[in-house]
């Protein structure tokens, strides 16, 4: 499978990443948020990629908030 582009809109901001599925493992990669991989296990690759990107954005935002609160 070739790399697929995905976007996620959250609070008026659009985030972009790409995902790739190889041997049942999906990897989502973003220049801003790094990379995250999980087993596809019968789930929709596009929906799973969206969920992973959402987690990556949420993790990043939590980290940014934690640093601001110091």
PDB file of N, CA and C in Angstrom:
ATOM      1  N   UNK A   1       0.849  -1.182   0.000  1.00  0.00           N
ATOM      2  CA  UNK A   1       0.000   0.000   0.000  1.00  0.00           C
ATOM      3  C   UNK A   1       0.894   1.244   0.000  1.00  0.00           C
ATOM      4  N   UNK A   2       0.491   2.245  -0.763  1.00  0.00           N
ATOM      5  CA  UNK A   2       1.253   3.487  -0.788  1.00  0.00           C
ATOM      6  C   UNK A   2       0.829   4.393   0.370  1.00  0.00           C
ATOM      7  N   UNK A   3       1.639   5.383   0.643  1.00  0.00           N
ATOM      8  CA  UNK A   3       1.320   6.343   1.706  1.00  0.00           C
ATOM      9  C   UNK A   3       0.047   7.095   1.351  1.00  0.00           C
ATOM     10  N   UNK A   4      -0.780   7.298   2.368  1.00  0.00           N
ATOM     11  CA  UNK A   4      -2.037   8.026   2.200  1.00  0.00           C
ATOM     12  C   UNK A   4      -2.003   9.276   3.080  1.00  0.00           C
ATOM     13  N   UNK A   5      -2.497  10.376   2.570  1.00  0.00           N
ATOM     14  CA  UNK A   5      -2.591  11.614   3.340  1.00  0.00           C
ATOM     15  C   UNK A   5      -3.861  11.606   4.183  1.00  0.00           C
ATOM     16  N   UNK A   6      -3.763  12.141   5.391  1.00  0.00           N
ATOM     17  CA  UNK A   6      -4.940  12.321   6.235  1.00  0.00           C
ATOM     18  C   UNK A   6      -4.866  13.699   6.875  1.00  0.00           C
ATOM     19  N   UNK A   7      -6.024  14.224   7.205  1.00  0.00           N
ATOM     20  CA  UNK A   7      -6.091  15.485   7.935  1.00  0.00           C
ATOM     21  C   UNK A   7      -7.078  15.333   9.080  1.00  0.00           C
ATOM     22  N   UNK A   8      -6.895  16.179  10.052  1.00  0.00           N
ATOM     23  CA  UNK A   8      -7.758  16.191  11.224  1.00  0.00           C
ATOM     24  C   UNK A   8      -7.998  17.639  11.594  1.00  0.00           C
ATOM     25  N   UNK A   9      -9.244  18.012  11.773  1.00  0.00           N
ATOM     26  CA  UNK A   9      -9.571  19.362  12.214  1.00  0.00           C
ATOM     27  C   UNK A   9      -9.929  19.306  13.691  1.00  0.00           C
ATOM     28  N   UNK A  10      -9.272  20.172  14.450  1.00  0.00           N
ATOM     29  CA  UNK A  10      -9.533  20.230  15.885  1.00  0.00           C
ATOM     30  C   UNK A  10      -9.436  21.686  16.323  1.00  0.00           C
ATOM     31  N   UNK A  11     -10.508  22.184  16.916  1.00  0.00           N
ATOM     32  CA  UNK A  11     -10.553  23.565  17.414  1.00  0.00           C
ATOM     33  C   UNK A  11     -10.141  24.582  16.358  1.00  0.00           C
ATOM     34  N   UNK A  12     -10.600  24.370  15.126  1.00  0.00           N
ATOM     35  CA  UNK A  12     -10.328  25.325  14.056  1.00  0.00           C
ATOM     36  C   UNK A  12      -8.968  25.193  13.400  1.00  0.00           C
ATOM     37  N   UNK A  13      -8.170  24.231  13.808  1.00  0.00           N
ATOM     38  CA  UNK A  13      -6.847  24.012  13.219  1.00  0.00           C
ATOM     39  C   UNK A  13      -6.852  22.683  12.482  1.00  0.00           C
ATOM     40  N   UNK A  14      -6.274  22.675  11.287  1.00  0.00           N
ATOM     41  CA  UNK A  14      -6.170  21.443  10.507  1.00  0.00           C
ATOM     42  C   UNK A  14      -4.763  20.885  10.651  1.00  0.00           C
ATOM     43  N   UNK A  15      -4.694  19.615  11.020  1.00  0.00           N
ATOM     44  CA  UNK A  15      -3.425  18.908  11.188  1.00  0.00           C
ATOM     45  C   UNK A  15      -3.310  17.872  10.075  1.00  0.00           C
ATOM     46  N   UNK A  16      -2.099  17.676   9.564  1.00  0.00           N
ATOM     47  CA  UNK A  16      -1.884  16.752   8.456  1.00  0.00           C
ATOM     48  C   UNK A  16      -0.843  15.703   8.820  1.00  0.00           C
ATOM     49  N   UNK A  17      -1.015  14.537   8.235  1.00  0.00           N
ATOM     50  CA  UNK A  17      -0.066  13.442   8.423  1.00  0.00           C
ATOM     51  C   UNK A  17      -0.215  12.491   7.244  1.00  0.00           C
ATOM     52  N   UNK A  18       0.641  11.492   7.208  1.00  0.00           N
ATOM     53  CA  UNK A  18       0.512  10.409   6.234  1.00  0.00           C
ATOM     54  C   UNK A  18       0.480   9.097   6.999  1.00  0.00           C
ATOM     55  N   UNK A  19      -0.150   8.097   6.382  1.00  0.00           N
ATOM     56  CA  UNK A  19      -0.123   6.780   7.002  1.00  0.00           C
ATOM     57  C   UNK A  19       0.198   5.723   5.962  1.00  0.00           C
ATOM     58  N   UNK A  20       0.728   4.619   6.463  1.00  0.00           N
ATOM     59  CA  UNK A  20       1.132   3.510   5.622  1.00  0.00           C
ATOM     60  C   UNK A  20       0.825   2.227   6.367  1.00  0.00           C
ATOM     61  N   UNK A  21       0.284   1.242   5.673  1.00  0.00           N
ATOM     62  CA  UNK A  21       0.016  -0.061   6.265  1.00  0.00           C
ATOM     63  C   UNK A  21       0.958  -1.074   5.618  1.00  0.00           C
ATOM     64  N   UNK A  22       1.744  -1.756   6.449  1.00  0.00           N
ATOM     65  CA  UNK A  22       2.667  -2.786   5.975  1.00  0.00           C
ATOM     66  C   UNK A  22       2.560  -3.977   6.916  1.00  0.00           C
ATOM     67  N   UNK A  23       2.263  -5.137   6.356  1.00  0.00           N
ATOM     68  CA  UNK A  23       2.185  -6.384   7.130  1.00  0.00           C
ATOM     69  C   UNK A  23       1.281  -6.256   8.359  1.00  0.00           C
ATOM     70  N   UNK A  24       0.138  -5.607   8.185  1.00  0.00           N
ATOM     71  CA  UNK A  24      -0.832  -5.496   9.269  1.00  0.00           C
ATOM     72  C   UNK A  24      -0.519  -4.445  10.315  1.00  0.00           C
ATOM     73  N   UNK A  25       0.522  -3.663  10.100  1.00  0.00           N
ATOM     74  CA  UNK A  25       0.908  -2.603  11.028  1.00  0.00           C
ATOM     75  C   UNK A  25       0.696  -1.257  10.344  1.00  0.00           C
ATOM     76  N   UNK A  26      -0.053  -0.363  11.006  1.00  0.00           N
ATOM     77  CA  UNK A  26      -0.269   0.973  10.455  1.00  0.00           C
ATOM     78  C   UNK A  26       0.646   1.948  11.187  1.00  0.00           C
ATOM     79  N   UNK A  27       1.293   2.800  10.403  1.00  0.00           N
ATOM     80  CA  UNK A  27       2.165   3.833  10.961  1.00  0.00           C
ATOM     81  C   UNK A  27       1.689   5.185  10.461  1.00  0.00           C
ATOM     82  N   UNK A  28       1.429   6.087  11.393  1.00  0.00           N
ATOM     83  CA  UNK A  28       1.043   7.461  11.076  1.00  0.00           C
ATOM     84  C   UNK A  28       2.259   8.338  11.377  1.00  0.00           C
ATOM     85  N   UNK A  29       2.629   9.182  10.417  1.00  0.00           N
ATOM     86  CA  UNK A  29       3.794  10.038  10.563  1.00  0.00           C
ATOM     87  C   UNK A  29       3.411  11.486  10.293  1.00  0.00           C
ATOM     88  N   UNK A  30       3.840  12.361  11.204  1.00  0.00           N
ATOM     89  CA  UNK A  30       3.577  13.791  11.081  1.00  0.00           C
ATOM     90  C   UNK A  30       4.877  14.539  11.341  1.00  0.00           C
ATOM     91  N   UNK A  31       5.156  15.556  10.553  1.00  0.00           N
ATOM     92  CA  UNK A  31       6.357  16.373  10.785  1.00  0.00           C
ATOM     93  C   UNK A  31       6.299  17.053  12.145  1.00  0.00           C
ATOM     94  N   UNK A  32       5.105  17.422  12.573  1.00  0.00           N
ATOM     95  CA  UNK A  32       4.932  18.124  13.852  1.00  0.00           C
ATOM     96  C   UNK A  32       4.938  17.198  15.060  1.00  0.00           C
ATOM     97  N   UNK A  33       4.366  15.992  14.913  1.00  0.00           N
ATOM     98  CA  UNK A  33       4.075  15.158  16.074  1.00  0.00           C
ATOM     99  C   UNK A  33       4.801  13.821  16.114  1.00  0.00           C
ATOM    100  N   UNK A  34       5.618  13.548  15.126  1.00  0.00           N
ATOM    101  CA  UNK A  34       6.377  12.305  15.131  1.00  0.00           C
ATOM    102  C   UNK A  34       5.633  11.149  14.490  1.00  0.00           C
ATOM    103  N   UNK A  35       5.800   9.968  15.094  1.00  0.00           N
ATOM    104  CA  UNK A  35       5.289   8.739  14.485  1.00  0.00           C
ATOM    105  C   UNK A  35       4.640   7.859  15.534  1.00  0.00           C
ATOM    106  N   UNK A  36       3.584   7.161  15.122  1.00  0.00           N
ATOM    107  CA  UNK A  36       2.903   6.233  16.023  1.00  0.00           C
ATOM    108  C   UNK A  36       2.424   5.050  15.186  1.00  0.00           C
ATOM    109  N   UNK A  37       2.607   3.829  15.728  1.00  0.00           N
ATOM    110  CA  UNK A  37       2.221   2.615  15.015  1.00  0.00           C
ATOM    111  C   UNK A  37       1.409   1.693  15.910  1.00  0.00           C
ATOM    112  N   UNK A  38       0.460   0.968  15.300  1.00  0.00           N
ATOM    113  CA  UNK A  38      -0.318  -0.067  15.990  1.00  0.00           C
ATOM    114  C   UNK A  38      -0.717  -1.129  14.963  1.00  0.00           C
ATOM    115  N   UNK A  39      -1.149  -2.280  15.453  1.00  0.00           N
ATOM    116  CA  UNK A  39      -1.676  -3.333  14.594  1.00  0.00           C
ATOM    117  C   UNK A  39      -3.045  -2.917  14.069  1.00  0.00           C
ATOM    118  N   UNK A  40      -3.305  -3.197  12.807  1.00  0.00           N
ATOM    119  CA  UNK A  40      -4.594  -2.861  12.213  1.00  0.00           C
ATOM    120  C   UNK A  40      -5.686  -3.774  12.771  1.00  0.00           C
ATOM    121  N   UNK A  41      -5.438  -5.058  12.848  1.00  0.00           N
ATOM    122  CA  UNK A  41      -6.348  -6.038  13.460  1.00  0.00           C
ATOM    123  C   UNK A  41      -7.800  -5.920  12.985  1.00  0.00           C
ATOM    124  N   UNK A  42      -7.987  -5.849  11.663  1.00  0.00           N
ATOM    125  CA  UNK A  42      -9.335  -5.847  11.105  1.00  0.00           C
ATOM    126  C   UNK A  42     -10.050  -4.509  11.122  1.00  0.00           C
ATOM    127  N   UNK A  43      -9.448  -3.487  11.664  1.00  0.00           N
ATOM    128  CA  UNK A  43     -10.086  -2.172  11.701  1.00  0.00           C
ATOM    129  C   UNK A  43      -9.856  -1.416  10.398  1.00  0.00           C
ATOM    130  N   UNK A  44     -10.642  -0.398  10.161  1.00  0.00           N
ATOM    131  CA  UNK A  44     -10.499   0.442   8.971  1.00  0.00           C
ATOM    132  C   UNK A  44      -9.195   1.233   9.071  1.00  0.00           C
ATOM    133  N   UNK A  45      -8.274   1.069   8.111  1.00  0.00           N
ATOM    134  CA  UNK A  45      -7.006   1.808   8.177  1.00  0.00           C
ATOM    135  C   UNK A  45      -7.188   3.326   8.249  1.00  0.00           C
ATOM    136  N   UNK A  46      -8.118   3.856   7.457  1.00  0.00           N
ATOM    137  CA  UNK A  46      -8.308   5.314   7.463  1.00  0.00           C
ATOM    138  C   UNK A  46      -8.842   5.796   8.810  1.00  0.00           C
ATOM    139  N   UNK A  47      -9.829   5.087   9.354  1.00  0.00           N
ATOM    140  CA  UNK A  47     -10.372   5.464  10.662  1.00  0.00           C
ATOM    141  C   UNK A  47      -9.339   5.328  11.759  1.00  0.00           C
ATOM    142  N   UNK A  48      -8.550   4.275  11.684  1.00  0.00           N
ATOM    143  CA  UNK A  48      -7.496   4.061  12.671  1.00  0.00           C
ATOM    144  C   UNK A  48      -6.429   5.150  12.561  1.00  0.00           C
ATOM    145  N   UNK A  49      -6.071   5.517  11.336  1.00  0.00           N
ATOM    146  CA  UNK A  49      -5.092   6.596  11.132  1.00  0.00           C
ATOM    147  C   UNK A  49      -5.607   7.900  11.722  1.00  0.00           C
ATOM    148  N   UNK A  50      -6.887   8.194  11.519  1.00  0.00           N
ATOM    149  CA  UNK A  50      -7.488   9.404  12.093  1.00  0.00           C
ATOM    150  C   UNK A  50      -7.393   9.371  13.616  1.00  0.00           C
ATOM    151  N   UNK A  51      -7.696   8.223  14.200  1.00  0.00           N
ATOM    152  CA  UNK A  51      -7.630   8.085  15.665  1.00  0.00           C
ATOM    153  C   UNK A  51      -6.211   8.270  16.181  1.00  0.00           C
ATOM    154  N   UNK A  52      -5.248   7.695  15.482  1.00  0.00           N
ATOM    155  CA  UNK A  52      -3.849   7.835  15.902  1.00  0.00           C
ATOM    156  C   UNK A  52      -3.396   9.293  15.812  1.00  0.00           C
ATOM    157  N   UNK A  53      -3.758   9.973  14.728  1.00  0.00           N
ATOM    158  CA  UNK A  53      -3.400  11.384  14.589  1.00  0.00           C
ATOM    159  C   UNK A  53      -4.055  12.202  15.694  1.00  0.00           C
ATOM    160  N   UNK A  54      -5.296  11.896  16.009  1.00  0.00           N
ATOM    161  CA  UNK A  54      -5.989  12.591  17.096  1.00  0.00           C
ATOM    162  C   UNK A  54      -5.241  12.394  18.416  1.00  0.00           C
ATOM    163  N   UNK A  55      -4.796  11.166  18.698  1.00  0.00           N
ATOM    164  CA  UNK A  55      -4.013  10.893  19.910  1.00  0.00           C
ATOM    165  C   UNK A  55      -2.703  11.667  19.907  1.00  0.00           C
ATOM    166  N   UNK A  56      -2.040  11.709  18.758  1.00  0.00           N
ATOM    167  CA  UNK A  56      -0.765  12.417  18.650  1.00  0.00           C
ATOM    168  C   UNK A  56      -0.940  13.907  18.930  1.00  0.00           C
ATOM    169  N   UNK A  57      -1.989  14.501  18.367  1.00  0.00           N
ATOM    170  CA  UNK A  57      -2.270  15.920  18.594  1.00  0.00           C
ATOM    171  C   UNK A  57      -2.598  16.157  20.067  1.00  0.00           C
ATOM    172  N   UNK A  58      -3.424  15.298  20.647  1.00  0.00           N
ATOM    173  CA  UNK A  58      -3.803  15.451  22.060  1.00  0.00           C
ATOM    174  C   UNK A  58      -2.579  15.329  22.969  1.00  0.00           C
ATOM    175  N   UNK A  59      -1.703  14.366  22.689  1.00  0.00           N
ATOM    176  CA  UNK A  59      -0.479  14.205  23.481  1.00  0.00           C
ATOM    177  C   UNK A  59       0.389  15.455  23.387  1.00  0.00           C
ATOM    178  N   UNK A  60       0.535  15.983  22.183  1.00  0.00           N
ATOM    179  CA  UNK A  60       1.339  17.185  21.962  1.00  0.00           C
ATOM    180  C   UNK A  60       0.754  18.376  22.729  1.00  0.00           C
ATOM    181  N   UNK A  61      -0.563  18.534  22.649  1.00  0.00           N
ATOM    182  CA  UNK A  61      -1.204  19.665  23.325  1.00  0.00           C
ATOM    183  C   UNK A  61      -1.082  19.548  24.847  1.00  0.00           C
ATOM    184  N   UNK A  62      -1.216  18.321  25.373  1.00  0.00           N
ATOM    185  CA  UNK A  62      -1.028  18.112  26.819  1.00  0.00           C
ATOM    186  C   UNK A  62       0.386  18.474  27.233  1.00  0.00           C
ATOM    187  N   UNK A  63       1.349  18.068  26.424  1.00  0.00           N
ATOM    188  CA  UNK A  63       2.757  18.362  26.710  1.00  0.00           C
ATOM    189  C   UNK A  63       2.994  19.872  26.688  1.00  0.00           C
ATOM    190  N   UNK A  64       2.420  20.560  25.699  1.00  0.00           N
ATOM    191  CA  UNK A  64       2.578  22.016  25.608  1.00  0.00           C
ATOM    192  C   UNK A  64       1.954  22.708  26.807  1.00  0.00           C
ATOM    193  N   UNK A  65       0.769  22.268  27.212  1.00  0.00           N
ATOM    194  CA  UNK A  65       0.093  22.863  28.374  1.00  0.00           C
ATOM    195  C   UNK A  65       0.902  22.637  29.644  1.00  0.00           C
ATOM    196  N   UNK A  66       1.431  21.443  29.795  1.00  0.00           N
ATOM    197  CA  UNK A  66       2.235  21.117  30.980  1.00  0.00           C
ATOM    198  C   UNK A  66       3.456  22.032  31.055  1.00  0.00           C
ATOM    199  N   UNK A  67       4.094  22.283  29.931  1.00  0.00           N
ATOM    200  CA  UNK A  67       5.269  23.161  29.899  1.00  0.00           C
ATOM    201  C   UNK A  67       4.900  24.614  30.196  1.00  0.00           C
ATOM    202  N   UNK A  68       3.727  25.047  29.742  1.00  0.00           N
ATOM    203  CA  UNK A  68       3.289  26.429  30.020  1.00  0.00           C
ATOM    204  C   UNK A  68       2.974  26.617  31.499  1.00  0.00           C
ATOM    205  N   UNK A  69       2.460  25.560  32.125  1.00  0.00           N
ATOM    206  CA  UNK A  69       2.046  25.655  33.533  1.00  0.00           C
ATOM    207  C   UNK A  69       3.212  25.630  34.507  1.00  0.00           C
ATOM    208  N   UNK A  70       4.400  25.344  34.035  1.00  0.00           N
ATOM    209  CA  UNK A  70       5.576  25.281  34.943  1.00  0.00           C
ATOM    210  C   UNK A  70       6.014  26.659  35.388  1.00  0.00           C
TER     211      UNK A  70
END
